[in-house]
Amino acid sequence: MLRHRTLLTGTAAGLAIALAVGSCRRNEAVENPPETVSAVRLTAETFSPDRLPYEEAALILAGTTYPVQLRRESKADGIHFLLLKGEEVLDREVYVLDEDAFRIRIAAGVEYQPPIPLIEFGKRVGDEWSWRGHVVTGAERQSAAASITTAEEDINLAGAYDRGVRIRATLEIDGAGSAQKLQKQMTFWFAPRIGLLKREFGTTSTRIPAP
């Protein structure tokens, strides 16, 4: 499924991102060259961020790899990606898709209120934005802020050389003392028309396609 290379290219209006296989077109008109990365718009139509990208996955938890099934369920509170070993749910990702953005609500058992926007539709690759809200872990609720950055990046997955967009959310969470800040990162890699290929929640939980 991933044995190909995806390339991010823009149209003259900068409104689409296409999936190209093989080499770039040799006869591209000189007077209408491909747009730069900064001109590529982030849209739901071209990234399909809520689709199931594959069914067989590898879940890496604290250095241990588990072969799992990836299942998508649409519920009232969002889009659930379940990582299953048999009938046991080893991990769960919950996203929210609306007309403005694709957001993460739950990651590795932590809930973000409101959900963090990973893709703000209409923005361009290279843009940044911010978030403020709360992080909820069990009965504990903490104030937090995040900066979200975007960049084009090559991804090497399951022997394929894929090109996509990397979204990184860097969080600062208030600690018990006023001067204490807990920092953590969540990183996501999206490919056009494929969806969310890979994600990392800090250094403890990674989801990738099965090798």
C-alpha atoms as a PDB file:
ATOM      1  CA  MET A   1       0.000   0.000   0.000  1.00  0.00           C
ATOM      2  CA  LEU A   2       2.875   2.326   0.794  1.00  0.00           C
ATOM      3  CA  ARG A   3       5.279   1.086  -1.926  1.00  0.00           C
ATOM      4  CA  HIS A   4       5.328   4.332  -3.747  1.00  0.00           C
ATOM      5  CA  ARG A   5       6.452   7.899  -3.320  1.00  0.00           C
ATOM      6  CA  THR A   6       4.045  10.724  -2.680  1.00  0.00           C
ATOM      7  CA  LEU A   7       5.082  14.227  -3.649  1.00  0.00           C
ATOM      8  CA  LEU A   8       3.534  17.465  -2.507  1.00  0.00           C
ATOM      9  CA  THR A   9       2.911  19.820  -5.389  1.00  0.00           C
ATOM     10  CA  GLY A  10       0.718  22.884  -5.703  1.00  0.00           C
ATOM     11  CA  THR A  11      -1.449  24.069  -8.560  1.00  0.00           C
ATOM     12  CA  ALA A  12      -1.233  27.573  -9.980  1.00  0.00           C
ATOM     13  CA  ALA A  13      -3.884  28.664  -7.495  1.00  0.00           C
ATOM     14  CA  GLY A  14      -2.182  26.893  -4.614  1.00  0.00           C
ATOM     15  CA  LEU A  15      -5.372  25.073  -3.696  1.00  0.00           C
ATOM     16  CA  ALA A  16      -4.505  21.373  -4.240  1.00  0.00           C
ATOM     17  CA  ILE A  17      -1.913  18.812  -3.252  1.00  0.00           C
ATOM     18  CA  ALA A  18      -1.522  15.869  -5.605  1.00  0.00           C
ATOM     19  CA  LEU A  19      -0.230  12.364  -5.102  1.00  0.00           C
ATOM     20  CA  ALA A  20       2.374  11.627  -7.779  1.00  0.00           C
ATOM     21  CA  VAL A  21       3.941   8.247  -8.478  1.00  0.00           C
ATOM     22  CA  GLY A  22       7.470   7.934  -9.819  1.00  0.00           C
ATOM     23  CA  SER A  23       9.445  10.847 -11.099  1.00  0.00           C
ATOM     24  CA  CYS A  24       8.181  14.361 -11.594  1.00  0.00           C
ATOM     25  CA  ARG A  25       6.726  15.299 -14.936  1.00  0.00           C
ATOM     26  CA  ARG A  26       9.501  16.219 -17.370  1.00  0.00           C
ATOM     27  CA  ASN A  27       7.443  18.532 -19.526  1.00  0.00           C
ATOM     28  CA  GLU A  28       6.322  20.950 -16.816  1.00  0.00           C
ATOM     29  CA  ALA A  29       5.735  24.347 -18.429  1.00  0.00           C
ATOM     30  CA  VAL A  30       8.555  26.715 -17.612  1.00  0.00           C
ATOM     31  CA  GLU A  31       6.199  29.658 -17.324  1.00  0.00           C
ATOM     32  CA  ASN A  32       4.064  27.777 -14.767  1.00  0.00           C
ATOM     33  CA  PRO A  33       6.505  26.054 -12.373  1.00  0.00           C
ATOM     34  CA  PRO A  34       5.368  24.095  -9.309  1.00  0.00           C
ATOM     35  CA  GLU A  35       4.621  26.215  -6.276  1.00  0.00           C
ATOM     36  CA  THR A  36       6.907  26.291  -3.302  1.00  0.00           C
ATOM     37  CA  VAL A  37       6.044  24.406  -0.128  1.00  0.00           C
ATOM     38  CA  SER A  38       4.929  27.619   1.550  1.00  0.00           C
ATOM     39  CA  ALA A  39       2.187  28.000  -1.097  1.00  0.00           C
ATOM     40  CA  VAL A  40       0.642  24.561  -0.518  1.00  0.00           C
ATOM     41  CA  ARG A  41      -2.680  24.836   1.251  1.00  0.00           C
ATOM     42  CA  LEU A  42      -3.853  22.413   3.910  1.00  0.00           C
ATOM     43  CA  THR A  43      -7.296  21.091   2.995  1.00  0.00           C
ATOM     44  CA  ALA A  44      -9.476  18.192   4.103  1.00  0.00           C
ATOM     45  CA  GLU A  45     -10.086  17.138   0.495  1.00  0.00           C
ATOM     46  CA  THR A  46      -6.439  16.566  -0.362  1.00  0.00           C
ATOM     47  CA  PHE A  47      -5.219  15.116   2.935  1.00  0.00           C
ATOM     48  CA  SER A  48      -8.269  13.055   4.001  1.00  0.00           C
ATOM     49  CA  PRO A  49      -6.946  13.219   7.577  1.00  0.00           C
ATOM     50  CA  ASP A  50      -9.833  11.223   9.059  1.00  0.00           C
ATOM     51  CA  ARG A  51      -9.611   8.203   6.762  1.00  0.00           C
ATOM     52  CA  LEU A  52      -8.192   4.839   7.806  1.00  0.00           C
ATOM     53  CA  PRO A  53      -4.711   4.796   6.221  1.00  0.00           C
ATOM     54  CA  TYR A  54      -4.088   1.054   6.721  1.00  0.00           C
ATOM     55  CA  GLU A  55      -5.444  -1.885   8.732  1.00  0.00           C
ATOM     56  CA  GLU A  56      -2.200  -3.556   9.851  1.00  0.00           C
ATOM     57  CA  ALA A  57      -0.040  -1.460  12.153  1.00  0.00           C
ATOM     58  CA  ALA A  58       2.880  -1.618  14.539  1.00  0.00           C
ATOM     59  CA  LEU A  59       2.460   0.022  17.953  1.00  0.00           C
ATOM     60  CA  ILE A  60       5.709   0.826  19.736  1.00  0.00           C
ATOM     61  CA  LEU A  61       5.244   1.361  23.464  1.00  0.00           C
ATOM     62  CA  ALA A  62       8.322   2.256  25.525  1.00  0.00           C
ATOM     63  CA  GLY A  63      10.555   0.461  23.016  1.00  0.00           C
ATOM     64  CA  THR A  64       8.450  -2.700  22.665  1.00  0.00           C
ATOM     65  CA  THR A  65       6.746  -3.318  19.303  1.00  0.00           C
ATOM     66  CA  TYR A  66       3.287  -4.886  19.135  1.00  0.00           C
ATOM     67  CA  PRO A  67       1.641  -5.976  15.860  1.00  0.00           C
ATOM     68  CA  VAL A  68      -1.908  -4.607  15.989  1.00  0.00           C
ATOM     69  CA  GLN A  69      -5.017  -4.045  13.929  1.00  0.00           C
ATOM     70  CA  LEU A  70      -5.997  -0.440  13.276  1.00  0.00           C
ATOM     71  CA  ARG A  71      -9.752   0.123  13.282  1.00  0.00           C
ATOM     72  CA  ARG A  72     -11.667   3.337  12.664  1.00  0.00           C
ATOM     73  CA  GLU A  73     -14.944   4.087  14.448  1.00  0.00           C
ATOM     74  CA  SER A  74     -17.045   7.216  14.032  1.00  0.00           C
ATOM     75  CA  LYS A  75     -18.747   8.248  17.288  1.00  0.00           C
ATOM     76  CA  ALA A  76     -20.544  11.291  18.640  1.00  0.00           C
ATOM     77  CA  ASP A  77     -17.417  12.546  20.417  1.00  0.00           C
ATOM     78  CA  GLY A  78     -15.107  12.123  17.431  1.00  0.00           C
ATOM     79  CA  ILE A  79     -13.287   9.711  15.149  1.00  0.00           C
ATOM     80  CA  HIS A  80     -11.682   6.863  17.074  1.00  0.00           C
ATOM     81  CA  PHE A  81      -8.613   5.010  15.804  1.00  0.00           C
ATOM     82  CA  LEU A  82      -8.397   1.822  17.882  1.00  0.00           C
ATOM     83  CA  LEU A  83      -5.174  -0.178  18.058  1.00  0.00           C
ATOM     84  CA  LEU A  84      -6.246  -3.725  18.778  1.00  0.00           C
ATOM     85  CA  LYS A  85      -4.419  -6.872  19.790  1.00  0.00           C
ATOM     86  CA  GLY A  86      -7.173  -9.419  19.389  1.00  0.00           C
ATOM     87  CA  GLU A  87     -10.114  -7.753  21.152  1.00  0.00           C
ATOM     88  CA  GLU A  88      -7.915  -5.822  23.583  1.00  0.00           C
ATOM     89  CA  VAL A  89      -7.552  -2.082  22.949  1.00  0.00           C
ATOM     90  CA  LEU A  90      -3.872  -1.273  23.506  1.00  0.00           C
ATOM     91  CA  ASP A  91      -4.187   2.372  22.551  1.00  0.00           C
ATOM     92  CA  ARG A  92      -6.763   4.826  21.264  1.00  0.00           C
ATOM     93  CA  GLU A  93      -6.532   8.042  19.269  1.00  0.00           C
ATOM     94  CA  VAL A  94      -9.586  10.324  19.119  1.00  0.00           C
ATOM     95  CA  TYR A  95      -9.825  13.104  16.531  1.00  0.00           C
ATOM     96  CA  VAL A  96     -12.432  15.720  15.674  1.00  0.00           C
ATOM     97  CA  LEU A  97     -13.068  16.839  12.087  1.00  0.00           C
ATOM     98  CA  ASP A  98     -15.106  19.977  11.422  1.00  0.00           C
ATOM     99  CA  GLU A  99     -15.254  22.572   8.663  1.00  0.00           C
ATOM    100  CA  ASP A 100     -12.365  24.557  10.168  1.00  0.00           C
ATOM    101  CA  ALA A 101      -9.806  21.995  11.280  1.00  0.00           C
ATOM    102  CA  PHE A 102      -8.731  18.446  12.045  1.00  0.00           C
ATOM    103  CA  ARG A 103      -8.092  18.236  15.790  1.00  0.00           C
ATOM    104  CA  ILE A 104      -6.845  15.733  18.340  1.00  0.00           C
ATOM    105  CA  ARG A 105      -8.985  15.209  21.435  1.00  0.00           C
ATOM    106  CA  ILE A 106      -7.422  12.168  23.112  1.00  0.00           C
ATOM    107  CA  ALA A 107      -3.866  10.847  22.818  1.00  0.00           C
ATOM    108  CA  ALA A 108      -2.324   8.083  24.971  1.00  0.00           C
ATOM    109  CA  GLY A 109      -5.089   8.409  27.547  1.00  0.00           C
ATOM    110  CA  VAL A 110      -4.738  12.199  27.851  1.00  0.00           C
ATOM    111  CA  GLU A 111      -7.642  14.461  26.859  1.00  0.00           C
ATOM    112  CA  TYR A 112      -7.169  17.950  25.444  1.00  0.00           C
ATOM    113  CA  GLN A 113      -9.913  20.507  26.124  1.00  0.00           C
ATOM    114  CA  PRO A 114     -10.667  21.956  23.648  1.00  0.00           C
ATOM    115  CA  PRO A 115      -9.172  19.572  21.051  1.00  0.00           C
ATOM    116  CA  ILE A 116      -5.865  20.772  19.573  1.00  0.00           C
ATOM    117  CA  PRO A 117      -6.030  21.799  15.878  1.00  0.00           C
ATOM    118  CA  LEU A 118      -3.457  19.728  13.961  1.00  0.00           C
ATOM    119  CA  ILE A 119      -4.519  20.972  10.517  1.00  0.00           C
ATOM    120  CA  GLU A 120      -6.188  24.358  10.186  1.00  0.00           C
ATOM    121  CA  PHE A 121      -7.856  24.290   6.792  1.00  0.00           C
ATOM    122  CA  GLY A 122      -6.821  27.106   4.482  1.00  0.00           C
ATOM    123  CA  LYS A 123      -3.438  27.539   6.153  1.00  0.00           C
ATOM    124  CA  ARG A 124      -0.279  26.731   4.211  1.00  0.00           C
ATOM    125  CA  VAL A 125       2.564  24.318   4.830  1.00  0.00           C
ATOM    126  CA  GLY A 126       5.103  26.282   6.845  1.00  0.00           C
ATOM    127  CA  ASP A 127       2.472  28.198   8.820  1.00  0.00           C
ATOM    128  CA  GLU A 128       2.292  28.046  12.609  1.00  0.00           C
ATOM    129  CA  TRP A 129      -0.543  28.543  15.081  1.00  0.00           C
ATOM    130  CA  SER A 130      -1.162  28.192  18.794  1.00  0.00           C
ATOM    131  CA  TRP A 131      -3.580  26.621  21.264  1.00  0.00           C
ATOM    132  CA  ARG A 132      -4.518  27.257  24.886  1.00  0.00           C
ATOM    133  CA  GLY A 133      -6.666  25.033  27.036  1.00  0.00           C
ATOM    134  CA  HIS A 134      -6.452  22.218  29.543  1.00  0.00           C
ATOM    135  CA  VAL A 135      -4.886  18.776  29.708  1.00  0.00           C
ATOM    136  CA  VAL A 136      -6.963  16.185  31.545  1.00  0.00           C
ATOM    137  CA  THR A 137      -5.412  12.993  32.921  1.00  0.00           C
ATOM    138  CA  GLY A 138      -7.817  11.012  35.067  1.00  0.00           C
ATOM    139  CA  ALA A 139      -9.106  13.420  37.731  1.00  0.00           C
ATOM    140  CA  GLU A 140      -6.269  15.908  37.197  1.00  0.00           C
ATOM    141  CA  ARG A 141      -6.907  18.990  35.030  1.00  0.00           C
ATOM    142  CA  GLN A 142      -4.018  21.331  34.187  1.00  0.00           C
ATOM    143  CA  SER A 143      -3.732  24.531  32.175  1.00  0.00           C
ATOM    144  CA  ALA A 144      -1.623  24.187  29.048  1.00  0.00           C
ATOM    145  CA  ALA A 145      -0.508  25.943  25.872  1.00  0.00           C
ATOM    146  CA  ALA A 146       0.840  24.589  22.609  1.00  0.00           C
ATOM    147  CA  SER A 147       2.548  25.811  19.469  1.00  0.00           C
ATOM    148  CA  ILE A 148       1.815  23.880  16.262  1.00  0.00           C
ATOM    149  CA  THR A 149       4.298  23.895  13.384  1.00  0.00           C
ATOM    150  CA  THR A 150       4.083  22.449   9.866  1.00  0.00           C
ATOM    151  CA  ALA A 151       6.755  21.363   7.401  1.00  0.00           C
ATOM    152  CA  GLU A 152       7.168  19.201   4.305  1.00  0.00           C
ATOM    153  CA  GLU A 153       9.184  16.085   5.089  1.00  0.00           C
ATOM    154  CA  ASP A 154      10.238  12.750   3.604  1.00  0.00           C
ATOM    155  CA  ILE A 155       9.014   9.701   5.533  1.00  0.00           C
ATOM    156  CA  ASN A 156      10.643   6.289   5.259  1.00  0.00           C
ATOM    157  CA  LEU A 157       8.002   3.701   6.132  1.00  0.00           C
ATOM    158  CA  ALA A 158       7.884  -0.028   5.433  1.00  0.00           C
ATOM    159  CA  GLY A 159      10.513   0.256   2.716  1.00  0.00           C
ATOM    160  CA  ALA A 160       8.720   3.100   0.952  1.00  0.00           C
ATOM    161  CA  TYR A 161      10.026   6.617   0.529  1.00  0.00           C
ATOM    162  CA  ASP A 162       7.035   8.829   1.116  1.00  0.00           C
ATOM    163  CA  ARG A 163       6.770  12.579   1.094  1.00  0.00           C
ATOM    164  CA  GLY A 164       4.247  14.250   3.340  1.00  0.00           C
ATOM    165  CA  VAL A 165       3.581  16.995   5.834  1.00  0.00           C
ATOM    166  CA  ARG A 166       4.849  16.848   9.396  1.00  0.00           C
ATOM    167  CA  ILE A 167       2.676  18.471  12.059  1.00  0.00           C
ATOM    168  CA  ARG A 168       4.265  18.977  15.467  1.00  0.00           C
ATOM    169  CA  ALA A 169       2.457  20.170  18.599  1.00  0.00           C
ATOM    170  CA  THR A 170       4.820  21.308  21.359  1.00  0.00           C
ATOM    171  CA  LEU A 171       3.018  21.636  24.677  1.00  0.00           C
ATOM    172  CA  GLU A 172       3.807  23.396  27.934  1.00  0.00           C
ATOM    173  CA  ILE A 173       1.715  22.141  30.823  1.00  0.00           C
ATOM    174  CA  ASP A 174       1.471  23.938  34.148  1.00  0.00           C
ATOM    175  CA  GLY A 175       2.931  21.969  37.022  1.00  0.00           C
ATOM    176  CA  ALA A 176       2.211  22.027  40.729  1.00  0.00           C
ATOM    177  CA  GLY A 177       4.339  25.125  41.256  1.00  0.00           C
ATOM    178  CA  SER A 178       3.979  28.395  39.353  1.00  0.00           C
ATOM    179  CA  ALA A 179       7.492  28.130  37.888  1.00  0.00           C
ATOM    180  CA  GLN A 180       7.175  24.493  36.836  1.00  0.00           C
ATOM    181  CA  LYS A 181       6.335  23.663  33.227  1.00  0.00           C
ATOM    182  CA  LEU A 182       6.084  20.168  31.803  1.00  0.00           C
ATOM    183  CA  GLN A 183       7.018  20.019  28.124  1.00  0.00           C
ATOM    184  CA  LYS A 184       5.902  17.319  25.706  1.00  0.00           C
ATOM    185  CA  GLN A 185       5.597  16.851  21.958  1.00  0.00           C
ATOM    186  CA  MET A 186       3.178  15.110  19.658  1.00  0.00           C
ATOM    187  CA  THR A 187       4.188  14.644  16.022  1.00  0.00           C
ATOM    188  CA  PHE A 188       2.032  13.542  13.073  1.00  0.00           C
ATOM    189  CA  TRP A 189       2.890  12.757   9.447  1.00  0.00           C
ATOM    190  CA  PHE A 190       0.172  13.087   6.789  1.00  0.00           C
ATOM    191  CA  ALA A 191       0.329  12.105   3.110  1.00  0.00           C
ATOM    192  CA  PRO A 192      -2.045  13.352   0.387  1.00  0.00           C
ATOM    193  CA  ARG A 193      -5.111  11.137  -0.098  1.00  0.00           C
ATOM    194  CA  ILE A 194      -3.678   8.555   2.317  1.00  0.00           C
ATOM    195  CA  GLY A 195      -4.190  10.247   5.657  1.00  0.00           C
ATOM    196  CA  LEU A 196      -2.300   9.953   8.917  1.00  0.00           C
ATOM    197  CA  LEU A 197       0.620   7.638   8.142  1.00  0.00           C
ATOM    198  CA  LYS A 198       2.551   7.923  11.383  1.00  0.00           C
ATOM    199  CA  ARG A 199       2.253   9.550  14.790  1.00  0.00           C
ATOM    200  CA  GLU A 200       4.445   9.854  17.866  1.00  0.00           C
ATOM    201  CA  PHE A 201       3.227  10.778  21.334  1.00  0.00           C
ATOM    202  CA  GLY A 202       6.452  11.856  23.000  1.00  0.00           C
ATOM    203  CA  THR A 203       8.975   9.023  23.142  1.00  0.00           C
ATOM    204  CA  THR A 204       6.631   6.434  24.645  1.00  0.00           C
ATOM    205  CA  SER A 205       4.033   5.690  21.969  1.00  0.00           C
ATOM    206  CA  THR A 206       4.499   5.451  18.198  1.00  0.00           C
ATOM    207  CA  ARG A 207       2.115   4.120  15.562  1.00  0.00           C
ATOM    208  CA  ILE A 208       3.369   3.173  12.070  1.00  0.00           C
ATOM    209  CA  PRO A 209       2.245   0.818   9.277  1.00  0.00           C
ATOM    210  CA  ALA A 210       3.102  -2.839   9.800  1.00  0.00           C
ATOM    211  CA  PRO A 211       6.441  -3.709   8.150  1.00  0.00           C
END
